[in-house]
Amino acid sequence: MAWTKVCEKSEIPVGSIKKVWARIGGGIPIAVAHHKNGYVAIPPVCPHLEEPLDESGLVIGCKLTCTKHLWSWNLETLELQDEAELPLKTYDVKVEDDNIMVYVTEQLEYAFDEDDDIDESTFFEDDDDDEW
């Protein structure tokens, strides 16, 4: 595989994250985050519970936070912050002229345990019929 253009710089303002596609094989989904000091290319979902980061990711300074469960990472150092328990996987990324380029050899994915799936609509239900 090789470097592939995924978008133009103008498509991802500072402090945002966008889902893009590497046109390799059938297409590989990638999220590109533009933090205050550059770009990071990662799988498009949070390693916690598969939350789409282009919908729930918040980039402030160099910090990415998945607002669904408050997992955070420093995008410059990739250090785990706040509630995060798993690291982000990353693709190499570079900027050529106005193009954001990502080096893709394979699709990076996280291993999710099906037991981790939580039905949030019932998670907080009170199963106890006793009154206080």
N, C-alpha and C. Protein backbone atom coordinates (compact mmCIF):
# COMPACT_ATOMS: atom_id res chain seq x y z
N MET A 1 0.84 -1.18 0.00
CA MET A 1 0.00 0.00 0.00
C MET A 1 0.89 1.24 0.00
N ALA A 2 0.24 2.37 -0.10
CA ALA A 2 1.02 3.61 -0.20
C ALA A 2 0.25 4.77 0.41
N TRP A 3 0.85 5.93 0.31
CA TRP A 3 0.18 7.14 0.75
C TRP A 3 -1.02 7.39 -0.16
N THR A 4 -2.13 7.76 0.46
CA THR A 4 -3.34 8.05 -0.31
C THR A 4 -3.97 9.33 0.21
N LYS A 5 -4.44 10.15 -0.71
CA LYS A 5 -5.12 11.38 -0.34
C LYS A 5 -6.50 11.01 0.20
N VAL A 6 -6.85 11.57 1.38
CA VAL A 6 -8.17 11.31 1.95
C VAL A 6 -9.07 12.55 1.93
N CYS A 7 -8.46 13.73 1.88
CA CYS A 7 -9.25 14.96 1.80
C CYS A 7 -8.30 16.14 1.66
N GLU A 8 -8.87 17.32 1.58
CA GLU A 8 -8.08 18.55 1.56
C GLU A 8 -8.10 19.19 2.94
N LYS A 9 -7.06 19.95 3.26
CA LYS A 9 -6.97 20.60 4.57
C LYS A 9 -8.19 21.44 4.87
N SER A 10 -8.72 22.13 3.88
CA SER A 10 -9.86 23.02 4.08
C SER A 10 -11.12 22.30 4.54
N GLU A 11 -11.16 20.98 4.37
CA GLU A 11 -12.34 20.21 4.76
C GLU A 11 -12.39 19.91 6.26
N ILE A 12 -11.27 20.14 6.96
CA ILE A 12 -11.22 19.82 8.40
C ILE A 12 -10.64 21.02 9.15
N PRO A 13 -11.49 21.92 9.62
CA PRO A 13 -10.99 23.08 10.37
C PRO A 13 -10.33 22.65 11.68
N VAL A 14 -9.47 23.50 12.20
CA VAL A 14 -8.85 23.24 13.50
C VAL A 14 -9.94 23.00 14.53
N GLY A 15 -9.77 21.98 15.37
CA GLY A 15 -10.75 21.69 16.41
C GLY A 15 -11.89 20.82 15.93
N SER A 16 -11.70 20.13 14.82
CA SER A 16 -12.77 19.26 14.32
C SER A 16 -12.22 17.89 13.95
N ILE A 17 -13.15 16.98 13.72
CA ILE A 17 -12.82 15.62 13.32
C ILE A 17 -13.79 15.23 12.21
N LYS A 18 -13.27 14.56 11.19
CA LYS A 18 -14.09 14.21 10.05
C LYS A 18 -13.83 12.77 9.64
N LYS A 19 -14.90 12.07 9.28
CA LYS A 19 -14.76 10.72 8.74
C LYS A 19 -14.50 10.84 7.24
N VAL A 20 -13.45 10.15 6.80
CA VAL A 20 -13.07 10.15 5.39
C VAL A 20 -12.87 8.70 4.96
N TRP A 21 -12.60 8.51 3.67
CA TRP A 21 -12.40 7.16 3.14
C TRP A 21 -11.10 7.09 2.38
N ALA A 22 -10.28 6.10 2.71
CA ALA A 22 -9.10 5.81 1.91
C ALA A 22 -9.57 4.91 0.78
N ARG A 23 -9.32 5.32 -0.44
CA ARG A 23 -9.81 4.57 -1.60
C ARG A 23 -8.86 3.41 -1.90
N ILE A 24 -8.90 2.44 -1.03
CA ILE A 24 -8.09 1.23 -1.16
C ILE A 24 -9.02 0.05 -1.01
N GLY A 25 -8.92 -0.91 -1.89
CA GLY A 25 -9.83 -2.04 -1.84
C GLY A 25 -11.25 -1.53 -1.97
N GLY A 26 -12.11 -1.93 -1.05
CA GLY A 26 -13.49 -1.47 -1.03
C GLY A 26 -13.66 -0.16 -0.30
N GLY A 27 -12.55 0.45 0.12
CA GLY A 27 -12.60 1.70 0.88
C GLY A 27 -12.42 1.43 2.36
N ILE A 28 -11.58 2.21 3.00
CA ILE A 28 -11.31 2.04 4.42
C ILE A 28 -11.72 3.32 5.14
N PRO A 29 -12.64 3.22 6.12
CA PRO A 29 -13.06 4.42 6.86
C PRO A 29 -11.97 4.85 7.84
N ILE A 30 -11.74 6.15 7.87
CA ILE A 30 -10.71 6.74 8.73
C ILE A 30 -11.28 8.04 9.29
N ALA A 31 -10.95 8.36 10.53
CA ALA A 31 -11.29 9.67 11.09
C ALA A 31 -10.01 10.49 11.15
N VAL A 32 -10.09 11.72 10.66
CA VAL A 32 -8.95 12.63 10.74
C VAL A 32 -9.33 13.75 11.69
N ALA A 33 -8.52 13.92 12.72
CA ALA A 33 -8.73 14.99 13.70
C ALA A 33 -7.70 16.08 13.46
N HIS A 34 -8.15 17.33 13.47
CA HIS A 34 -7.26 18.48 13.29
C HIS A 34 -7.13 19.18 14.63
N HIS A 35 -6.02 18.90 15.31
CA HIS A 35 -5.79 19.56 16.60
C HIS A 35 -4.91 20.78 16.38
N LYS A 36 -4.62 21.51 17.44
CA LYS A 36 -3.95 22.80 17.28
C LYS A 36 -2.55 22.71 16.67
N ASN A 37 -1.93 21.52 16.72
CA ASN A 37 -0.58 21.38 16.18
C ASN A 37 -0.47 20.44 14.99
N GLY A 38 -1.60 19.99 14.44
CA GLY A 38 -1.51 19.12 13.28
C GLY A 38 -2.70 18.20 13.12
N TYR A 39 -2.46 17.09 12.47
CA TYR A 39 -3.52 16.13 12.14
C TYR A 39 -3.16 14.75 12.69
N VAL A 40 -4.20 13.99 13.05
CA VAL A 40 -4.04 12.60 13.46
C VAL A 40 -5.10 11.80 12.71
N ALA A 41 -4.68 10.64 12.16
CA ALA A 41 -5.61 9.75 11.47
C ALA A 41 -5.79 8.48 12.30
N ILE A 42 -7.05 8.15 12.59
CA ILE A 42 -7.37 7.05 13.50
C ILE A 42 -8.57 6.27 12.95
N PRO A 43 -8.85 5.08 13.51
CA PRO A 43 -10.11 4.42 13.16
C PRO A 43 -11.27 5.35 13.53
N PRO A 44 -12.40 5.25 12.82
CA PRO A 44 -13.47 6.23 13.00
C PRO A 44 -14.35 6.02 14.23
N VAL A 45 -14.03 5.05 15.08
CA VAL A 45 -14.85 4.79 16.26
C VAL A 45 -13.99 4.81 17.52
N CYS A 46 -14.62 5.14 18.63
CA CYS A 46 -13.95 5.12 19.93
C CYS A 46 -13.61 3.67 20.29
N PRO A 47 -12.42 3.42 20.85
CA PRO A 47 -12.07 2.05 21.22
C PRO A 47 -12.86 1.51 22.40
N HIS A 48 -13.70 2.34 22.99
CA HIS A 48 -14.49 1.92 24.14
C HIS A 48 -15.72 1.11 23.70
N LEU A 49 -16.68 1.77 23.07
CA LEU A 49 -17.92 1.08 22.69
C LEU A 49 -18.36 1.43 21.27
N GLU A 50 -17.41 1.59 20.36
CA GLU A 50 -17.69 1.81 18.95
C GLU A 50 -18.48 3.08 18.63
N GLU A 51 -18.41 4.07 19.47
CA GLU A 51 -19.10 5.33 19.22
C GLU A 51 -18.43 6.04 18.05
N PRO A 52 -19.18 6.48 17.04
CA PRO A 52 -18.58 7.20 15.91
C PRO A 52 -17.97 8.52 16.36
N LEU A 53 -16.66 8.65 16.18
CA LEU A 53 -15.98 9.85 16.65
C LEU A 53 -16.29 11.09 15.84
N ASP A 54 -16.73 10.92 14.59
CA ASP A 54 -17.10 12.11 13.81
C ASP A 54 -18.41 12.71 14.33
N GLU A 55 -19.16 11.95 15.13
CA GLU A 55 -20.40 12.45 15.72
C GLU A 55 -20.20 12.85 17.18
N SER A 56 -19.42 12.08 17.94
CA SER A 56 -19.28 12.30 19.37
C SER A 56 -17.90 12.78 19.80
N GLY A 57 -16.97 12.90 18.86
CA GLY A 57 -15.63 13.35 19.21
C GLY A 57 -15.56 14.87 19.30
N LEU A 58 -14.87 15.35 20.31
CA LEU A 58 -14.68 16.79 20.54
C LEU A 58 -13.18 17.05 20.63
N VAL A 59 -12.68 17.93 19.78
CA VAL A 59 -11.26 18.26 19.76
C VAL A 59 -11.09 19.67 20.30
N ILE A 60 -10.36 19.78 21.42
CA ILE A 60 -10.05 21.08 22.01
C ILE A 60 -8.55 21.10 22.26
N GLY A 61 -7.87 22.05 21.66
CA GLY A 61 -6.41 22.09 21.76
C GLY A 61 -5.84 20.84 21.11
N CYS A 62 -5.15 20.03 21.91
CA CYS A 62 -4.60 18.76 21.42
C CYS A 62 -5.33 17.56 22.03
N LYS A 63 -6.48 17.80 22.62
CA LYS A 63 -7.21 16.74 23.31
C LYS A 63 -8.45 16.32 22.53
N LEU A 64 -8.57 15.00 22.33
CA LEU A 64 -9.78 14.42 21.74
C LEU A 64 -10.57 13.76 22.85
N THR A 65 -11.84 14.10 22.96
CA THR A 65 -12.73 13.48 23.95
C THR A 65 -13.92 12.88 23.24
N CYS A 66 -14.19 11.61 23.54
CA CYS A 66 -15.44 11.00 23.09
C CYS A 66 -16.48 11.40 24.12
N THR A 67 -17.42 12.23 23.72
CA THR A 67 -18.37 12.80 24.67
C THR A 67 -19.40 11.80 25.16
N LYS A 68 -19.46 10.63 24.54
CA LYS A 68 -20.44 9.62 24.95
C LYS A 68 -20.13 9.10 26.36
N HIS A 69 -18.84 8.77 26.64
CA HIS A 69 -18.47 8.23 27.95
C HIS A 69 -17.22 8.89 28.52
N LEU A 70 -16.80 10.02 27.91
CA LEU A 70 -15.72 10.88 28.40
C LEU A 70 -14.33 10.24 28.37
N TRP A 71 -14.08 9.37 27.43
CA TRP A 71 -12.72 8.89 27.20
C TRP A 71 -11.98 9.97 26.43
N SER A 72 -10.71 10.22 26.80
CA SER A 72 -9.93 11.29 26.17
C SER A 72 -8.49 10.85 25.91
N TRP A 73 -7.90 11.49 24.90
CA TRP A 73 -6.51 11.23 24.53
C TRP A 73 -5.85 12.53 24.13
N ASN A 74 -4.55 12.65 24.42
CA ASN A 74 -3.74 13.74 23.92
C ASN A 74 -3.34 13.37 22.50
N LEU A 75 -3.77 14.13 21.51
CA LEU A 75 -3.52 13.78 20.11
C LEU A 75 -2.08 14.03 19.68
N GLU A 76 -1.33 14.78 20.46
CA GLU A 76 0.07 15.02 20.13
C GLU A 76 0.95 13.88 20.65
N THR A 77 0.68 13.43 21.88
CA THR A 77 1.51 12.39 22.50
C THR A 77 0.83 11.02 22.49
N LEU A 78 -0.47 10.99 22.21
CA LEU A 78 -1.33 9.80 22.24
C LEU A 78 -1.50 9.22 23.64
N GLU A 79 -1.15 9.99 24.67
CA GLU A 79 -1.35 9.56 26.05
C GLU A 79 -2.83 9.48 26.37
N LEU A 80 -3.21 8.47 27.16
CA LEU A 80 -4.57 8.33 27.64
C LEU A 80 -4.83 9.41 28.69
N GLN A 81 -6.04 9.98 28.68
CA GLN A 81 -6.40 10.99 29.66
C GLN A 81 -7.79 10.70 30.21
N ASP A 82 -8.07 11.31 31.34
CA ASP A 82 -9.38 11.21 31.97
C ASP A 82 -9.82 9.75 32.12
N GLU A 83 -10.95 9.36 31.56
CA GLU A 83 -11.52 8.03 31.76
C GLU A 83 -10.97 6.96 30.82
N ALA A 84 -10.18 7.34 29.83
CA ALA A 84 -9.72 6.39 28.80
C ALA A 84 -8.92 5.24 29.41
N GLU A 85 -9.20 4.04 28.90
CA GLU A 85 -8.49 2.85 29.36
C GLU A 85 -7.77 2.13 28.22
N LEU A 86 -8.04 2.54 26.99
CA LEU A 86 -7.41 1.91 25.82
C LEU A 86 -6.81 2.98 24.93
N PRO A 87 -5.66 2.68 24.30
CA PRO A 87 -5.04 3.66 23.42
C PRO A 87 -5.73 3.74 22.07
N LEU A 88 -5.49 4.85 21.39
CA LEU A 88 -5.94 5.00 20.02
C LEU A 88 -4.95 4.32 19.08
N LYS A 89 -5.45 3.69 18.05
CA LYS A 89 -4.59 3.20 16.97
C LYS A 89 -4.48 4.34 15.97
N THR A 90 -3.35 4.45 15.31
CA THR A 90 -3.15 5.57 14.38
C THR A 90 -2.55 5.11 13.05
N TYR A 91 -2.87 5.88 12.04
CA TYR A 91 -2.25 5.77 10.73
C TYR A 91 -1.22 6.89 10.62
N ASP A 92 -0.18 6.68 9.85
CA ASP A 92 0.75 7.78 9.56
C ASP A 92 0.00 8.79 8.70
N VAL A 93 0.23 10.06 8.97
CA VAL A 93 -0.44 11.11 8.23
C VAL A 93 0.56 12.20 7.89
N LYS A 94 0.40 12.81 6.71
CA LYS A 94 1.23 13.94 6.33
C LYS A 94 0.41 14.88 5.46
N VAL A 95 0.90 16.11 5.35
CA VAL A 95 0.24 17.11 4.51
C VAL A 95 1.15 17.41 3.33
N GLU A 96 0.61 17.29 2.13
CA GLU A 96 1.32 17.65 0.91
C GLU A 96 0.50 18.71 0.20
N ASP A 97 1.09 19.89 0.05
CA ASP A 97 0.37 21.03 -0.51
C ASP A 97 -0.90 21.24 0.32
N ASP A 98 -2.08 21.12 -0.26
CA ASP A 98 -3.33 21.28 0.48
C ASP A 98 -4.00 19.95 0.77
N ASN A 99 -3.29 18.84 0.56
CA ASN A 99 -3.88 17.52 0.70
C ASN A 99 -3.45 16.83 1.99
N ILE A 100 -4.40 16.17 2.63
CA ILE A 100 -4.09 15.32 3.78
C ILE A 100 -3.92 13.91 3.24
N MET A 101 -2.74 13.34 3.51
CA MET A 101 -2.37 12.03 3.01
C MET A 101 -2.24 11.07 4.18
N VAL A 102 -2.73 9.84 4.00
CA VAL A 102 -2.66 8.82 5.04
C VAL A 102 -2.00 7.58 4.45
N TYR A 103 -1.09 6.98 5.22
CA TYR A 103 -0.42 5.75 4.78
C TYR A 103 -1.21 4.57 5.33
N VAL A 104 -1.80 3.80 4.43
CA VAL A 104 -2.68 2.70 4.84
C VAL A 104 -2.12 1.39 4.30
N THR A 105 -1.83 0.47 5.21
CA THR A 105 -1.43 -0.88 4.81
C THR A 105 -2.54 -1.88 5.08
N GLU A 106 -3.39 -1.54 6.05
CA GLU A 106 -4.53 -2.37 6.40
C GLU A 106 -5.50 -1.51 7.21
N GLN A 107 -6.72 -2.00 7.33
CA GLN A 107 -7.72 -1.28 8.13
C GLN A 107 -7.44 -1.53 9.60
N LEU A 108 -7.27 -0.48 10.37
CA LEU A 108 -7.07 -0.60 11.82
C LEU A 108 -8.43 -0.70 12.48
N GLU A 109 -8.59 -1.71 13.33
CA GLU A 109 -9.85 -1.91 14.03
C GLU A 109 -9.57 -2.26 15.48
N TYR A 110 -10.56 -2.03 16.31
CA TYR A 110 -10.48 -2.40 17.72
C TYR A 110 -11.26 -3.69 17.93
N ALA A 111 -10.80 -4.50 18.87
CA ALA A 111 -11.52 -5.73 19.21
C ALA A 111 -12.54 -5.37 20.29
N PHE A 112 -13.81 -5.53 19.95
CA PHE A 112 -14.88 -5.22 20.90
C PHE A 112 -15.46 -6.51 21.42
N ASP A 113 -15.67 -6.57 22.73
CA ASP A 113 -16.28 -7.73 23.37
C ASP A 113 -17.78 -7.53 23.35
N GLU A 114 -18.51 -8.48 22.83
CA GLU A 114 -19.97 -8.35 22.75
C GLU A 114 -20.60 -8.17 24.12
N ASP A 115 -19.94 -8.67 25.17
CA ASP A 115 -20.47 -8.52 26.53
C ASP A 115 -20.40 -7.07 26.98
N ASP A 116 -19.56 -6.26 26.31
CA ASP A 116 -19.44 -4.85 26.68
C ASP A 116 -20.60 -4.01 26.18
N ASP A 117 -21.38 -4.57 25.26
CA ASP A 117 -22.51 -3.81 24.74
C ASP A 117 -23.53 -3.61 25.84
N ILE A 118 -23.84 -2.36 26.11
CA ILE A 118 -24.76 -2.02 27.18
C ILE A 118 -25.98 -1.38 26.57
N ASP A 119 -27.15 -1.86 26.94
CA ASP A 119 -28.38 -1.22 26.50
C ASP A 119 -28.62 -0.07 27.46
N GLU A 120 -28.23 1.12 27.03
CA GLU A 120 -28.31 2.27 27.93
C GLU A 120 -29.73 2.64 28.30
N SER A 121 -30.71 2.22 27.50
CA SER A 121 -32.09 2.54 27.83
C SER A 121 -32.57 1.76 29.05
N THR A 122 -31.95 0.61 29.33
CA THR A 122 -32.34 -0.17 30.50
C THR A 122 -31.28 -0.16 31.59
N PHE A 123 -30.10 0.36 31.30
CA PHE A 123 -29.00 0.33 32.27
C PHE A 123 -29.36 1.03 33.57
N PHE A 124 -30.05 2.14 33.48
CA PHE A 124 -30.35 2.92 34.67
C PHE A 124 -31.76 2.67 35.22
N GLU A 125 -32.45 1.69 34.68
CA GLU A 125 -33.78 1.39 35.20
C GLU A 125 -33.68 0.81 36.61
N ASP A 126 -34.66 1.12 37.40
CA ASP A 126 -34.72 0.62 38.77
C ASP A 126 -35.48 -0.70 38.74
N ASP A 127 -34.74 -1.79 39.00
CA ASP A 127 -35.37 -3.11 39.01
C ASP A 127 -36.07 -3.39 40.34
N ASP A 128 -35.80 -2.58 41.32
CA ASP A 128 -36.37 -2.78 42.64
C ASP A 128 -37.70 -2.05 42.72
N ASP A 129 -38.76 -2.79 43.01
CA ASP A 129 -40.09 -2.19 43.09
C ASP A 129 -40.36 -1.56 44.46
N ASP A 130 -39.41 -1.72 45.37
CA ASP A 130 -39.59 -1.14 46.72
C ASP A 130 -39.59 0.38 46.62
N GLU A 131 -40.40 0.97 47.43
CA GLU A 131 -40.42 2.43 47.48
C GLU A 131 -39.53 2.88 48.63
N TRP A 132 -39.02 4.05 48.50
CA TRP A 132 -38.12 4.59 49.53
C TRP A 132 -38.88 5.04 50.69
